[in-house]
C-alpha atoms as a PDB file:
ATOM      1  CA  UNK A   1      34.746 -29.808 -24.086  1.00  0.00           C
ATOM      2  CA  UNK A   2      37.973 -29.029 -22.245  1.00  0.00           C
ATOM      3  CA  UNK A   3      40.062 -30.563 -19.521  1.00  0.00           C
ATOM      4  CA  UNK A   4      42.334 -28.162 -17.745  1.00  0.00           C
ATOM      5  CA  UNK A   5      44.553 -28.185 -14.677  1.00  0.00           C
ATOM      6  CA  UNK A   6      44.204 -25.202 -12.340  1.00  0.00           C
ATOM      7  CA  UNK A   7      47.015 -24.636  -9.856  1.00  0.00           C
ATOM      8  CA  UNK A   8      47.919 -21.860  -7.438  1.00  0.00           C
ATOM      9  CA  UNK A   9      50.337 -20.730  -4.731  1.00  0.00           C
ATOM     10  CA  UNK A  10      53.544 -22.467  -5.781  1.00  0.00           C
ATOM     11  CA  UNK A  11      55.651 -20.187  -3.578  1.00  0.00           C
ATOM     12  CA  UNK A  12      59.053 -21.122  -4.925  1.00  0.00           C
ATOM     13  CA  UNK A  13      58.634 -24.808  -4.038  1.00  0.00           C
ATOM     14  CA  UNK A  14      60.278 -26.532  -6.988  1.00  0.00           C
ATOM     15  CA  UNK A  15      59.889 -30.080  -5.715  1.00  0.00           C
ATOM     16  CA  UNK A  16      56.150 -29.606  -5.236  1.00  0.00           C
ATOM     17  CA  UNK A  17      55.702 -27.978  -8.638  1.00  0.00           C
ATOM     18  CA  UNK A  18      57.639 -30.714 -10.425  1.00  0.00           C
ATOM     19  CA  UNK A  19      55.555 -33.406  -8.717  1.00  0.00           C
ATOM     20  CA  UNK A  20      52.292 -31.661  -9.617  1.00  0.00           C
ATOM     21  CA  UNK A  21      53.365 -31.191 -13.241  1.00  0.00           C
ATOM     22  CA  UNK A  22      54.237 -34.888 -13.421  1.00  0.00           C
ATOM     23  CA  UNK A  23      50.746 -35.715 -12.144  1.00  0.00           C
ATOM     24  CA  UNK A  24      49.163 -33.275 -14.594  1.00  0.00           C
ATOM     25  CA  UNK A  25      50.943 -34.957 -17.507  1.00  0.00           C
ATOM     26  CA  UNK A  26      49.203 -38.203 -16.567  1.00  0.00           C
ATOM     27  CA  UNK A  27      45.758 -36.536 -16.563  1.00  0.00           C
ATOM     28  CA  UNK A  28      45.680 -35.750 -20.295  1.00  0.00           C
ATOM     29  CA  UNK A  29      44.790 -32.104 -19.795  1.00  0.00           C
ATOM     30  CA  UNK A  30      44.451 -29.525 -22.565  1.00  0.00           C
ATOM     31  CA  UNK A  31      45.937 -26.610 -20.614  1.00  0.00           C
ATOM     32  CA  UNK A  32      47.410 -25.394 -17.330  1.00  0.00           C
ATOM     33  CA  UNK A  33      46.139 -22.294 -15.532  1.00  0.00           C
ATOM     34  CA  UNK A  34      48.094 -20.805 -12.615  1.00  0.00           C
ATOM     35  CA  UNK A  35      46.311 -18.435 -10.237  1.00  0.00           C
ATOM     36  CA  UNK A  36      49.392 -16.689  -8.930  1.00  0.00           C
ATOM     37  CA  UNK A  37      51.953 -16.596  -6.129  1.00  0.00           C
ATOM     38  CA  UNK A  38      54.654 -18.315  -8.112  1.00  0.00           C
ATOM     39  CA  UNK A  39      57.252 -16.934  -5.694  1.00  0.00           C
ATOM     40  CA  UNK A  40      57.562 -16.087  -2.005  1.00  0.00           C
ATOM     41  CA  UNK A  41      58.463 -18.289   1.006  1.00  0.00           C
ATOM     42  CA  UNK A  42      60.231 -20.995  -1.008  1.00  0.00           C
ATOM     43  CA  UNK A  43      63.864 -21.559  -2.029  1.00  0.00           C
ATOM     44  CA  UNK A  44      63.580 -21.841  -5.831  1.00  0.00           C
ATOM     45  CA  UNK A  45      61.832 -18.744  -7.223  1.00  0.00           C
ATOM     46  CA  UNK A  46      63.776 -18.551 -10.510  1.00  0.00           C
ATOM     47  CA  UNK A  47      63.194 -22.162 -11.450  1.00  0.00           C
ATOM     48  CA  UNK A  48      59.484 -21.922 -10.640  1.00  0.00           C
ATOM     49  CA  UNK A  49      59.058 -18.757 -12.712  1.00  0.00           C
ATOM     50  CA  UNK A  50      60.755 -20.462 -15.662  1.00  0.00           C
ATOM     51  CA  UNK A  51      58.357 -23.412 -15.501  1.00  0.00           C
ATOM     52  CA  UNK A  52      55.319 -21.135 -15.178  1.00  0.00           C
ATOM     53  CA  UNK A  53      56.322 -19.211 -18.291  1.00  0.00           C
ATOM     54  CA  UNK A  54      55.258 -22.299 -20.247  1.00  0.00           C
ATOM     55  CA  UNK A  55      51.693 -22.341 -18.889  1.00  0.00           C
ATOM     56  CA  UNK A  56      48.670 -21.346 -20.969  1.00  0.00           C
ATOM     57  CA  UNK A  57      47.437 -18.804 -18.407  1.00  0.00           C
ATOM     58  CA  UNK A  58      49.130 -17.306 -15.373  1.00  0.00           C
ATOM     59  CA  UNK A  59      47.807 -14.635 -13.017  1.00  0.00           C
ATOM     60  CA  UNK A  60      49.544 -12.233 -10.663  1.00  0.00           C
ATOM     61  CA  UNK A  61      49.569 -13.104  -6.973  1.00  0.00           C
ATOM     62  CA  UNK A  62      50.244 -10.789  -4.049  1.00  0.00           C
ATOM     63  CA  UNK A  63      53.717 -12.261  -3.481  1.00  0.00           C
ATOM     64  CA  UNK A  64      54.561 -11.886  -7.163  1.00  0.00           C
ATOM     65  CA  UNK A  65      53.411  -8.287  -6.856  1.00  0.00           C
ATOM     66  CA  UNK A  66      55.507  -7.873  -3.706  1.00  0.00           C
ATOM     67  CA  UNK A  67      58.596  -9.024  -5.581  1.00  0.00           C
ATOM     68  CA  UNK A  68      57.872  -6.544  -8.370  1.00  0.00           C
ATOM     69  CA  UNK A  69      57.121  -3.585  -6.096  1.00  0.00           C
ATOM     70  CA  UNK A  70      56.968  -3.680  -2.280  1.00  0.00           C
ATOM     71  CA  UNK A  71      55.250  -6.173   0.022  1.00  0.00           C
ATOM     72  CA  UNK A  72      52.158  -4.801   1.751  1.00  0.00           C
ATOM     73  CA  UNK A  73      50.745  -6.331   4.901  1.00  0.00           C
ATOM     74  CA  UNK A  74      53.296  -9.154   4.955  1.00  0.00           C
ATOM     75  CA  UNK A  75      54.560 -10.766   8.147  1.00  0.00           C
ATOM     76  CA  UNK A  76      58.221 -10.187   9.012  1.00  0.00           C
ATOM     77  CA  UNK A  77      59.188 -13.643   7.715  1.00  0.00           C
ATOM     78  CA  UNK A  78      57.208 -13.273   4.502  1.00  0.00           C
ATOM     79  CA  UNK A  79      58.662  -9.817   3.908  1.00  0.00           C
ATOM     80  CA  UNK A  80      62.228 -11.010   4.386  1.00  0.00           C
ATOM     81  CA  UNK A  81      61.558 -13.947   2.063  1.00  0.00           C
ATOM     82  CA  UNK A  82      60.204 -11.673  -0.674  1.00  0.00           C
ATOM     83  CA  UNK A  83      63.217  -9.367  -0.487  1.00  0.00           C
ATOM     84  CA  UNK A  84      65.488 -12.415  -0.786  1.00  0.00           C
ATOM     85  CA  UNK A  85      63.346 -13.625  -3.700  1.00  0.00           C
ATOM     86  CA  UNK A  86      63.721 -10.274  -5.417  1.00  0.00           C
ATOM     87  CA  UNK A  87      67.501 -10.509  -5.065  1.00  0.00           C
ATOM     88  CA  UNK A  88      67.499 -13.983  -6.629  1.00  0.00           C
ATOM     89  CA  UNK A  89      65.498 -12.735  -9.599  1.00  0.00           C
ATOM     90  CA  UNK A  90      67.696  -9.669 -10.006  1.00  0.00           C
ATOM     91  CA  UNK A  91      71.003 -11.544  -9.921  1.00  0.00           C
ATOM     92  CA  UNK A  92      70.129 -14.470 -12.165  1.00  0.00           C
ATOM     93  CA  UNK A  93      72.061 -13.077 -15.155  1.00  0.00           C
ATOM     94  CA  UNK A  94      71.013 -10.097 -17.331  1.00  0.00           C
ATOM     95  CA  UNK A  95      69.045 -11.992 -19.963  1.00  0.00           C
ATOM     96  CA  UNK A  96      67.380 -14.399 -17.532  1.00  0.00           C
ATOM     97  CA  UNK A  97      66.537 -11.612 -15.099  1.00  0.00           C
ATOM     98  CA  UNK A  98      65.000  -9.464 -17.812  1.00  0.00           C
ATOM     99  CA  UNK A  99      62.898 -12.349 -19.127  1.00  0.00           C
ATOM    100  CA  UNK A 100      61.625 -13.260 -15.659  1.00  0.00           C
ATOM    101  CA  UNK A 101      60.830  -9.684 -14.629  1.00  0.00           C
ATOM    102  CA  UNK A 102      59.087  -9.065 -17.956  1.00  0.00           C
ATOM    103  CA  UNK A 103      56.974 -12.187 -17.484  1.00  0.00           C
ATOM    104  CA  UNK A 104      55.928 -11.235 -13.938  1.00  0.00           C
ATOM    105  CA  UNK A 105      55.244  -7.612 -14.865  1.00  0.00           C
ATOM    106  CA  UNK A 106      52.798  -8.611 -17.599  1.00  0.00           C
ATOM    107  CA  UNK A 107      50.702 -11.003 -15.506  1.00  0.00           C
ATOM    108  CA  UNK A 108      47.013 -10.004 -15.323  1.00  0.00           C
ATOM    109  CA  UNK A 109      45.047  -9.880 -12.087  1.00  0.00           C
ATOM    110  CA  UNK A 110      41.858 -11.320 -13.561  1.00  0.00           C
ATOM    111  CA  UNK A 111      40.913 -13.557 -16.478  1.00  0.00           C
ATOM    112  CA  UNK A 112      37.327 -14.016 -17.632  1.00  0.00           C
ATOM    113  CA  UNK A 113      36.190 -16.715 -20.010  1.00  0.00           C
ATOM    114  CA  UNK A 114      32.468 -16.404 -20.625  1.00  0.00           C
ATOM    115  CA  UNK A 115      30.812 -16.733 -17.226  1.00  0.00           C
ATOM    116  CA  UNK A 116      33.920 -18.156 -15.545  1.00  0.00           C
ATOM    117  CA  UNK A 117      36.360 -15.952 -13.666  1.00  0.00           C
ATOM    118  CA  UNK A 118      39.905 -16.690 -12.517  1.00  0.00           C
ATOM    119  CA  UNK A 119      41.605 -14.634  -9.764  1.00  0.00           C
ATOM    120  CA  UNK A 120      44.240 -15.028  -7.090  1.00  0.00           C
ATOM    121  CA  UNK A 121      42.455 -13.567  -4.073  1.00  0.00           C
ATOM    122  CA  UNK A 122      38.770 -12.849  -4.594  1.00  0.00           C
ATOM    123  CA  UNK A 123      36.488 -11.491  -7.321  1.00  0.00           C
ATOM    124  CA  UNK A 124      36.125  -8.261  -5.348  1.00  0.00           C
ATOM    125  CA  UNK A 125      39.850  -7.773  -4.708  1.00  0.00           C
ATOM    126  CA  UNK A 126      41.731 -10.082  -7.085  1.00  0.00           C
ATOM    127  CA  UNK A 127      45.153  -9.577  -5.542  1.00  0.00           C
ATOM    128  CA  UNK A 128      44.736  -9.376  -1.781  1.00  0.00           C
ATOM    129  CA  UNK A 129      41.359 -10.386  -0.329  1.00  0.00           C
ATOM    130  CA  UNK A 130      41.268 -13.652   1.592  1.00  0.00           C
ATOM    131  CA  UNK A 131      38.142 -15.792   1.644  1.00  0.00           C
ATOM    132  CA  UNK A 132      38.352 -18.354   4.431  1.00  0.00           C
ATOM    133  CA  UNK A 133      35.885 -21.202   5.120  1.00  0.00           C
ATOM    134  CA  UNK A 134      34.535 -19.377   8.183  1.00  0.00           C
ATOM    135  CA  UNK A 135      33.609 -16.408   6.002  1.00  0.00           C
ATOM    136  CA  UNK A 136      30.429 -18.241   5.024  1.00  0.00           C
ATOM    137  CA  UNK A 137      29.064 -16.858   8.310  1.00  0.00           C
ATOM    138  CA  UNK A 138      29.759 -13.302   7.162  1.00  0.00           C
ATOM    139  CA  UNK A 139      26.639 -12.668   5.109  1.00  0.00           C
ATOM    140  CA  UNK A 140      27.593  -9.166   4.000  1.00  0.00           C
ATOM    141  CA  UNK A 141      31.081 -10.134   2.837  1.00  0.00           C
ATOM    142  CA  UNK A 142      29.937 -13.194   0.913  1.00  0.00           C
ATOM    143  CA  UNK A 143      26.979 -11.419  -0.673  1.00  0.00           C
ATOM    144  CA  UNK A 144      29.238  -8.662  -1.956  1.00  0.00           C
ATOM    145  CA  UNK A 145      31.823 -11.116  -3.250  1.00  0.00           C
ATOM    146  CA  UNK A 146      29.232 -13.200  -5.079  1.00  0.00           C
ATOM    147  CA  UNK A 147      27.899 -10.017  -6.625  1.00  0.00           C
ATOM    148  CA  UNK A 148      31.073  -9.994  -8.751  1.00  0.00           C
ATOM    149  CA  UNK A 149      30.605 -13.590  -9.929  1.00  0.00           C
ATOM    150  CA  UNK A 150      28.543 -14.357 -13.017  1.00  0.00           C
ATOM    151  CA  UNK A 151      28.537 -18.149 -12.539  1.00  0.00           C
ATOM    152  CA  UNK A 152      31.870 -19.638 -11.493  1.00  0.00           C
ATOM    153  CA  UNK A 153      35.072 -18.300  -9.987  1.00  0.00           C
ATOM    154  CA  UNK A 154      38.378 -20.082  -9.316  1.00  0.00           C
ATOM    155  CA  UNK A 155      40.789 -18.673  -6.743  1.00  0.00           C
ATOM    156  CA  UNK A 156      43.734 -19.465  -4.466  1.00  0.00           C
ATOM    157  CA  UNK A 157      45.477 -17.228  -1.877  1.00  0.00           C
ATOM    158  CA  UNK A 158      44.351 -18.914   1.378  1.00  0.00           C
ATOM    159  CA  UNK A 159      45.980 -22.271   0.493  1.00  0.00           C
ATOM    160  CA  UNK A 160      42.788 -23.968   1.752  1.00  0.00           C
ATOM    161  CA  UNK A 161      40.888 -25.867  -0.971  1.00  0.00           C
ATOM    162  CA  UNK A 162      37.127 -26.135  -1.174  1.00  0.00           C
ATOM    163  CA  UNK A 163      33.900 -24.916  -2.742  1.00  0.00           C
ATOM    164  CA  UNK A 164      31.932 -21.860  -1.598  1.00  0.00           C
ATOM    165  CA  UNK A 165      28.313 -21.700  -2.724  1.00  0.00           C
ATOM    166  CA  UNK A 166      26.086 -18.660  -3.156  1.00  0.00           C
ATOM    167  CA  UNK A 167      23.909 -20.058  -0.360  1.00  0.00           C
ATOM    168  CA  UNK A 168      26.882 -19.535   1.977  1.00  0.00           C
ATOM    169  CA  UNK A 169      28.039 -23.099   2.320  1.00  0.00           C
ATOM    170  CA  UNK A 170      31.656 -24.203   2.362  1.00  0.00           C
ATOM    171  CA  UNK A 171      32.413 -27.732   1.194  1.00  0.00           C
ATOM    172  CA  UNK A 172      35.891 -29.159   1.706  1.00  0.00           C
ATOM    173  CA  UNK A 173      37.361 -31.742  -0.685  1.00  0.00           C
ATOM    174  CA  UNK A 174      36.774 -34.312   2.076  1.00  0.00           C
ATOM    175  CA  UNK A 175      33.079 -33.353   2.223  1.00  0.00           C
ATOM    176  CA  UNK A 176      32.884 -33.818  -1.550  1.00  0.00           C
ATOM    177  CA  UNK A 177      34.941 -37.007  -1.860  1.00  0.00           C
ATOM    178  CA  UNK A 178      37.176 -34.830  -4.062  1.00  0.00           C
ATOM    179  CA  UNK A 179      34.547 -34.276  -6.797  1.00  0.00           C
ATOM    180  CA  UNK A 180      32.065 -31.482  -7.441  1.00  0.00           C
ATOM    181  CA  UNK A 181      29.758 -30.909 -10.410  1.00  0.00           C
ATOM    182  CA  UNK A 182      29.123 -27.293 -11.389  1.00  0.00           C
ATOM    183  CA  UNK A 183      25.413 -26.583 -11.798  1.00  0.00           C
ATOM    184  CA  UNK A 184      23.133 -23.557 -11.908  1.00  0.00           C
ATOM    185  CA  UNK A 185      24.202 -22.118  -8.561  1.00  0.00           C
ATOM    186  CA  UNK A 186      27.015 -19.596  -8.422  1.00  0.00           C
ATOM    187  CA  UNK A 187      30.117 -21.069  -6.820  1.00  0.00           C
ATOM    188  CA  UNK A 188      33.636 -20.007  -5.944  1.00  0.00           C
ATOM    189  CA  UNK A 189      36.278 -22.740  -5.956  1.00  0.00           C
ATOM    190  CA  UNK A 190      39.545 -22.495  -4.064  1.00  0.00           C
ATOM    191  CA  UNK A 191      42.009 -24.808  -5.798  1.00  0.00           C
ATOM    192  CA  UNK A 192      44.394 -25.087  -2.843  1.00  0.00           C
ATOM    193  CA  UNK A 193      48.161 -24.704  -2.889  1.00  0.00           C
ATOM    194  CA  UNK A 194      50.917 -26.487  -4.768  1.00  0.00           C
ATOM    195  CA  UNK A 195      53.811 -25.302  -2.655  1.00  0.00           C
ATOM    196  CA  UNK A 196      52.449 -24.587   0.820  1.00  0.00           C
ATOM    197  CA  UNK A 197      49.172 -26.366   1.698  1.00  0.00           C
ATOM    198  CA  UNK A 198      47.464 -25.108   4.848  1.00  0.00           C
ATOM    199  CA  UNK A 199      44.623 -27.545   5.396  1.00  0.00           C
ATOM    200  CA  UNK A 200      46.630 -29.922   7.601  1.00  0.00           C
ATOM    201  CA  UNK A 201      47.570 -32.087   4.630  1.00  0.00           C
ATOM    202  CA  UNK A 202      51.194 -31.661   3.494  1.00  0.00           C
ATOM    203  CA  UNK A 203      50.501 -32.947  -0.016  1.00  0.00           C
ATOM    204  CA  UNK A 204      50.245 -30.470  -2.874  1.00  0.00           C
ATOM    205  CA  UNK A 205      46.715 -29.677  -3.991  1.00  0.00           C
ATOM    206  CA  UNK A 206      45.325 -28.611  -7.351  1.00  0.00           C
ATOM    207  CA  UNK A 207      42.164 -28.972  -9.417  1.00  0.00           C
ATOM    208  CA  UNK A 208      41.243 -30.637 -12.691  1.00  0.00           C
ATOM    209  CA  UNK A 209      38.290 -28.948 -14.408  1.00  0.00           C
ATOM    210  CA  UNK A 210      36.775 -31.359 -16.916  1.00  0.00           C
ATOM    211  CA  UNK A 211      33.943 -29.512 -18.646  1.00  0.00           C
ATOM    212  CA  UNK A 212      31.840 -28.845 -15.517  1.00  0.00           C
ATOM    213  CA  UNK A 213      33.232 -31.520 -13.210  1.00  0.00           C
ATOM    214  CA  UNK A 214      35.862 -30.518 -10.655  1.00  0.00           C
ATOM    215  CA  UNK A 215      38.349 -32.961  -9.175  1.00  0.00           C
ATOM    216  CA  UNK A 216      40.592 -32.020  -6.264  1.00  0.00           C
ATOM    217  CA  UNK A 217      43.891 -33.872  -6.555  1.00  0.00           C
ATOM    218  CA  UNK A 218      46.550 -34.363  -3.859  1.00  0.00           C
ATOM    219  CA  UNK A 219      50.136 -35.085  -4.814  1.00  0.00           C
ATOM    220  CA  UNK A 220      52.999 -36.180  -2.575  1.00  0.00           C
ATOM    221  CA  UNK A 221      56.374 -34.562  -3.150  1.00  0.00           C
ATOM    222  CA  UNK A 222      59.853 -34.564  -1.614  1.00  0.00           C
ATOM    223  CA  UNK A 223      58.916 -32.216   1.209  1.00  0.00           C
ATOM    224  CA  UNK A 224      62.075 -32.920   3.206  1.00  0.00           C
ATOM    225  CA  UNK A 225      64.200 -31.758   0.262  1.00  0.00           C
ATOM    226  CA  UNK A 226      62.385 -28.413   0.152  1.00  0.00           C
ATOM    227  CA  UNK A 227      62.480 -28.080   3.928  1.00  0.00           C
ATOM    228  CA  UNK A 228      66.243 -28.729   3.994  1.00  0.00           C
ATOM    229  CA  UNK A 229      66.843 -25.996   1.411  1.00  0.00           C
ATOM    230  CA  UNK A 230      64.877 -23.528   3.544  1.00  0.00           C
ATOM    231  CA  UNK A 231      66.622 -24.484   6.785  1.00  0.00           C
ATOM    232  CA  UNK A 232      70.013 -24.057   5.135  1.00  0.00           C
ATOM    233  CA  UNK A 233      69.125 -20.576   3.859  1.00  0.00           C
ATOM    234  CA  UNK A 234      69.742 -17.908   6.531  1.00  0.00           C
ATOM    235  CA  UNK A 235      67.402 -15.479   4.729  1.00  0.00           C
ATOM    236  CA  UNK A 236      64.394 -17.809   5.007  1.00  0.00           C
ATOM    237  CA  UNK A 237      62.779 -18.480   8.382  1.00  0.00           C
ATOM    238  CA  UNK A 238      62.952 -22.083   9.574  1.00  0.00           C
ATOM    239  CA  UNK A 239      59.194 -21.935  10.193  1.00  0.00           C
ATOM    240  CA  UNK A 240      58.619 -21.721   6.442  1.00  0.00           C
ATOM    241  CA  UNK A 241      60.191 -25.146   6.100  1.00  0.00           C
ATOM    242  CA  UNK A 242      58.823 -26.739   9.246  1.00  0.00           C
ATOM    243  CA  UNK A 243      55.237 -25.849   8.407  1.00  0.00           C
ATOM    244  CA  UNK A 244      55.467 -27.848   5.177  1.00  0.00           C
ATOM    245  CA  UNK A 245      55.669 -31.094   7.162  1.00  0.00           C
ATOM    246  CA  UNK A 246      52.211 -30.560   8.646  1.00  0.00           C
ATOM    247  CA  UNK A 247      50.464 -28.628   5.887  1.00  0.00           C
ATOM    248  CA  UNK A 248      49.775 -25.563   7.991  1.00  0.00           C
END
């Protein structure tokens, strides 16, 4: 029996991460798993990396990888944000910078525990592939993705929470009343985003996995504080702050 919190896509949003961690502490979990994208977009990359270093498991996301190397396929705003993020990590003091870079550089792309898989993007392309709700209509794509799944897979990357079934159904947290019981069917679970939700709900989203029961949890945070930090930073596009108000 285990009860774990699974989070993803923090994106340098310290206020959101602190609120989610406060909620997790009330849930009596055994562990915290992070599915990547600790940095990118948001104004507090160093602080978020430091908090994530305490987690039981943390994976590499495409923005984390972009900070380490070079961003690929990023929009102009996302690219500028990742270069600014890299500068923050590099100039945070020699010891702190070395510890943070070492942590990010060692993050795995995939974790398997028995028949359960944890990735950032998808089982087929753990770092970069997006799986959107409308992809359930793409039979070839979904069949190939599910070919990599033994039973269960947890992912992030799109910032849109929900459950994908092997029978090509997508179930949103609203459809499920926030609960889903894992059974015999293969499923892929998107845990949503802590720092930049994109399902028209500005609250942070994460998942509690209690044995085989999934709970989607939404957490309010001081979104205006994060937005103000972004608007006051000339290296971060205002859109990155404004979108937080609407969860888009």
